Amino acid sequence: MKRIGILAYGSLIDNPGPELGPNTVAKIKGVNTPFRVEFARKSRSRNYAPTLVPVAESGASVKGVILILRDGISETEAKNMLWRRETNCFDTRKFYQPHANPGDNKVYVEALEHFKGINVVYYVRIASNIQPLTPARLAKLAIQSVSLKKKDQGRDGISYLNNAKANGIQTPLMSTYEQEILQRMNAKNLEEALSSQINLLKENAGSSHAP
C-alpha cells in the first residue's frame, strides 16, 4: 500500500480543512521544504494578505509538516482534496485538472517521489504576484487585509505572519516584514498590532455612521 502525504508549509499546517483534516492519521514535523519559500503572493481569499509560496529567487527552505493520509486514499483523491482546500472549494464534485496553459492564478499540485520515506508527497505551487517584494509592501498589504467582517477573522496578513512564526518558519524577509508592521502600528508585538488595527477600523466605522 502506497503511503501518501501532503507537505504543508503555510496555513495548511494548522488548518488542513474539512477533507484533509479528517483523513490525516499522522504528522511528520520539522521537515524542511526542498524548495525556497517566501511571503510573495497576495491572496484574494485573505483580503490580499501576503502568503507563503515557492519562489525561484530569494526565499529560503522553511520548516514544514507532512500530513500522512489514511490508507485507502488514492493519489487522485489526495490531489483533489489538496486542490479544493487551496482554492477554497467545498464542492467535492469538482476536481483538480492540470492546466495546459500556465497562468499566474492557477493552483498546481506537484509531487515529491520517495520524500522522507513516504512514497509520494504532494504540495501546492502557485505564482508570486507581489511587486515590489519588499518588507514595506508586505506590511502595507498585511495591515490593509485586516477586516471587521466575521468571515475574515483570523484570515488577515498579521495573523498569517504570527502563525508562521509560531510554526518555526523563517524566511529572509520575515524579520524586517514583522518590524515594519510593528513600526507602522506603534506596537510591541503582532497581537498588539492586530488589535490596534481592529480598533482603528471600529473607530472609523463608528465615525462614518455618526449623525
Protein backbone atom coordinates (compact mmCIF):
# COMPACT_ATOMS: atom_id res chain seq x y z
CA MET A 1 0.00 0.00 0.00
CA LYS A 2 1.41 3.35 -1.03
CA ARG A 3 1.90 5.92 1.71
CA ILE A 4 0.69 9.33 0.60
CA GLY A 5 1.50 12.62 2.28
CA ILE A 6 0.78 16.32 1.92
CA LEU A 7 3.59 18.82 2.50
CA ALA A 8 2.26 21.81 4.47
CA TYR A 9 4.43 24.91 4.74
CA GLY A 10 1.89 27.67 5.44
CA SER A 11 -1.62 27.91 6.83
CA LEU A 12 -2.18 24.27 5.85
CA ILE A 13 -0.12 23.25 8.91
CA ASP A 14 -2.77 24.42 11.38
CA ASN A 15 -5.80 24.36 9.12
CA PRO A 16 -5.83 21.35 6.76
CA GLY A 17 -9.52 21.85 6.02
CA PRO A 18 -12.65 19.68 6.15
CA GLU A 19 -11.30 16.96 3.85
CA LEU A 20 -7.59 16.64 4.58
CA GLY A 21 -8.05 17.08 8.32
CA PRO A 22 -10.25 14.02 8.98
CA ASN A 23 -8.15 11.91 6.58
CA THR A 24 -4.82 12.70 8.26
CA VAL A 25 -3.61 9.87 10.51
CA ALA A 26 -0.13 11.14 11.42
CA LYS A 27 2.21 14.09 11.02
CA ILE A 28 5.93 14.36 10.42
CA LYS A 29 7.08 17.68 11.86
CA GLY A 30 10.22 19.72 11.25
CA VAL A 31 10.54 18.77 7.59
CA ASN A 32 12.48 21.30 5.54
CA THR A 33 10.91 22.14 2.20
CA PRO A 34 13.06 21.03 -0.77
CA PHE A 35 12.32 24.40 -2.39
CA ARG A 36 12.59 28.02 -1.34
CA VAL A 37 9.57 29.84 0.10
CA GLU A 38 8.74 33.49 0.72
CA PHE A 39 5.78 35.77 1.51
CA ALA A 40 5.47 36.51 -2.17
CA ARG A 41 1.78 36.14 -3.01
CA LYS A 42 -1.18 38.29 -2.06
CA SER A 43 -4.18 36.03 -1.62
CA ARG A 44 -7.60 37.22 -2.74
CA SER A 45 -9.28 34.84 -0.28
CA ARG A 46 -7.35 36.55 2.54
CA ASN A 47 -8.19 40.12 1.56
CA TYR A 48 -4.93 40.25 -0.43
CA ALA A 49 -2.74 39.44 2.55
CA PRO A 50 0.81 38.17 1.83
CA THR A 51 1.06 34.38 1.89
CA LEU A 52 3.88 31.86 1.55
CA VAL A 53 4.56 30.36 -1.87
CA PRO A 54 7.52 28.60 -3.51
CA VAL A 55 9.86 31.06 -5.23
CA ALA A 56 12.63 30.67 -7.78
CA GLU A 57 14.70 33.54 -6.40
CA SER A 58 15.45 34.67 -2.85
CA GLY A 59 13.34 32.94 -0.17
CA ALA A 60 14.57 30.03 1.91
CA SER A 61 13.86 26.42 2.72
CA VAL A 62 11.44 26.51 5.67
CA LYS A 63 10.14 24.12 8.30
CA GLY A 64 7.04 22.28 7.21
CA VAL A 65 4.90 19.34 8.20
CA ILE A 66 3.98 16.23 6.23
CA LEU A 67 0.37 15.17 6.76
CA ILE A 68 0.17 11.39 6.35
CA LEU A 69 -3.14 10.37 4.79
CA ARG A 70 -5.02 7.26 5.82
CA ASP A 71 -4.72 4.04 3.85
CA GLY A 72 -7.24 3.80 1.05
CA ILE A 73 -6.87 7.40 -0.14
CA SER A 74 -5.74 7.29 -3.77
CA GLU A 75 -3.25 9.67 -5.32
CA THR A 76 -6.06 11.21 -7.36
CA GLU A 77 -8.18 11.76 -4.24
CA ALA A 78 -5.23 13.30 -2.41
CA LYS A 79 -4.57 15.76 -5.22
CA ASN A 80 -8.25 16.65 -5.46
CA MET A 81 -8.57 17.27 -1.72
CA LEU A 82 -5.42 19.40 -1.65
CA TRP A 83 -6.55 21.43 -4.67
CA ARG A 84 -10.00 22.01 -3.21
CA ARG A 85 -8.52 23.14 0.10
CA GLU A 86 -6.11 25.56 -1.58
CA THR A 87 -8.81 27.02 -3.83
CA ASN A 88 -11.40 27.27 -1.03
CA CYS A 89 -13.68 24.92 -2.94
CA PHE A 90 -16.14 22.93 -0.85
CA ASP A 91 -17.82 21.15 -3.75
CA THR A 92 -16.48 17.59 -3.76
CA ARG A 93 -17.79 17.13 -7.30
CA LYS A 94 -15.02 19.42 -8.55
CA PHE A 95 -11.56 18.05 -9.07
CA TYR A 96 -8.03 19.05 -9.92
CA GLN A 97 -7.20 19.41 -13.59
CA PRO A 98 -3.63 20.30 -14.59
CA HIS A 99 -3.63 23.32 -16.87
CA ALA A 100 -2.10 23.13 -20.32
CA ASN A 101 -1.52 26.89 -20.27
CA PRO A 102 0.19 28.01 -17.06
CA GLY A 103 -1.17 31.20 -15.51
CA ASP A 104 -0.39 33.42 -12.56
CA ASN A 105 -3.57 32.47 -10.71
CA LYS A 106 -3.51 28.73 -11.32
CA VAL A 107 -3.00 26.33 -8.43
CA TYR A 108 -0.72 23.43 -9.32
CA VAL A 109 -0.39 20.23 -7.33
CA GLU A 110 3.11 18.79 -7.65
CA ALA A 111 4.65 15.57 -6.37
CA LEU A 112 7.78 14.61 -4.46
CA GLU A 113 8.58 10.94 -5.01
CA HIS A 114 10.01 8.93 -2.09
CA PHE A 115 10.33 12.01 0.11
CA LYS A 116 11.23 11.44 3.77
CA GLY A 117 10.31 7.76 3.48
CA ILE A 118 6.86 8.49 2.02
CA ASN A 119 6.04 7.04 -1.41
CA VAL A 120 4.60 10.29 -2.74
CA VAL A 121 4.15 13.68 -1.10
CA TYR A 122 2.04 16.36 -2.76
CA TYR A 123 2.38 20.11 -2.37
CA VAL A 124 0.93 23.22 -3.98
CA ARG A 125 2.75 25.63 -6.23
CA ILE A 126 1.26 28.98 -7.25
CA ALA A 127 2.95 32.02 -8.77
CA SER A 128 4.17 35.00 -6.78
CA ASN A 129 2.42 38.30 -7.53
CA ILE A 130 3.75 40.91 -5.10
CA GLN A 131 5.82 43.65 -6.69
CA PRO A 132 7.97 45.13 -5.36
CA LEU A 133 8.68 42.32 -2.93
CA THR A 134 9.83 44.44 -0.01
CA PRO A 135 9.08 44.46 3.75
CA ALA A 136 7.30 47.80 3.35
CA ARG A 137 5.00 46.44 0.66
CA LEU A 138 4.28 43.28 2.67
CA ALA A 139 3.47 45.28 5.80
CA LYS A 140 1.10 47.57 3.92
CA LEU A 141 -0.77 44.61 2.43
CA ALA A 142 -0.93 42.80 5.79
CA ILE A 143 -2.36 45.80 7.62
CA GLN A 144 -4.85 46.55 4.85
CA SER A 145 -6.06 42.94 4.91
CA VAL A 146 -7.47 43.24 8.43
CA SER A 147 -11.26 43.27 8.30
CA LEU A 148 -14.14 43.58 10.74
CA LYS A 149 -16.19 41.01 8.83
CA LYS A 150 -16.79 37.82 10.83
CA LYS A 151 -15.91 35.58 7.88
CA ASP A 152 -12.49 37.27 7.61
CA GLN A 153 -11.48 36.86 11.26
CA GLY A 154 -8.05 35.26 11.51
CA ARG A 155 -7.54 35.38 7.75
CA ASP A 156 -5.56 38.62 7.67
CA GLY A 157 -1.87 39.00 6.94
CA ILE A 158 -0.87 39.87 10.50
CA SER A 159 -2.46 36.67 11.86
CA TYR A 160 -0.94 34.66 8.99
CA LEU A 161 2.54 36.00 9.79
CA ASN A 162 2.09 35.33 13.50
CA ASN A 163 1.02 31.74 12.82
CA ALA A 164 4.03 31.21 10.56
CA LYS A 165 6.29 32.41 13.39
CA ALA A 166 4.60 30.02 15.82
CA ASN A 167 5.35 27.13 13.47
CA GLY A 168 9.06 27.98 13.36
CA ILE A 169 9.02 29.27 9.79
CA GLN A 170 11.75 31.75 8.87
CA THR A 171 12.29 33.49 5.54
CA PRO A 172 14.78 36.22 4.56
CA LEU A 173 12.10 38.94 4.57
CA MET A 174 10.22 37.77 7.63
CA SER A 175 12.00 39.67 10.41
CA THR A 176 12.05 43.05 8.66
CA TYR A 177 8.47 42.45 7.46
CA GLU A 178 7.36 41.99 11.07
CA GLN A 179 9.31 45.02 12.26
CA GLU A 180 7.73 47.14 9.54
CA ILE A 181 4.26 46.19 10.80
CA LEU A 182 5.17 46.94 14.41
CA GLN A 183 6.65 50.31 13.49
CA ARG A 184 3.65 51.34 11.41
CA MET A 185 1.20 50.30 14.13
CA ASN A 186 3.38 51.51 17.01
CA ALA A 187 3.00 48.07 18.57
CA LYS A 188 5.21 45.83 20.71
CA ASN A 189 4.14 42.60 19.05
CA LEU A 190 1.92 41.29 16.27
CA GLU A 191 -1.04 40.61 18.56
CA GLU A 192 -0.99 44.24 19.66
CA ALA A 193 -0.64 45.40 16.06
CA LEU A 194 -3.69 43.38 15.03
CA SER A 195 -5.74 44.65 17.97
CA SER A 196 -4.75 48.26 17.18
CA GLN A 197 -5.80 47.90 13.55
CA ILE A 198 -9.13 46.33 14.51
CA ASN A 199 -9.81 49.16 16.96
CA LEU A 200 -8.91 51.72 14.32
CA LEU A 201 -11.32 50.13 11.86
CA LYS A 202 -14.08 50.14 14.51
CA GLU A 203 -13.47 53.80 15.24
CA ASN A 204 -13.59 54.68 11.56
CA ALA A 205 -16.76 52.64 11.10
CA GLY A 206 -18.38 54.38 14.06
CA SER A 207 -17.47 57.87 12.90
CA SER A 208 -18.78 57.15 9.40
CA HIS A 209 -22.21 56.30 10.87
CA ALA A 210 -22.29 59.28 13.24
CA PRO A 211 -25.06 61.84 12.56
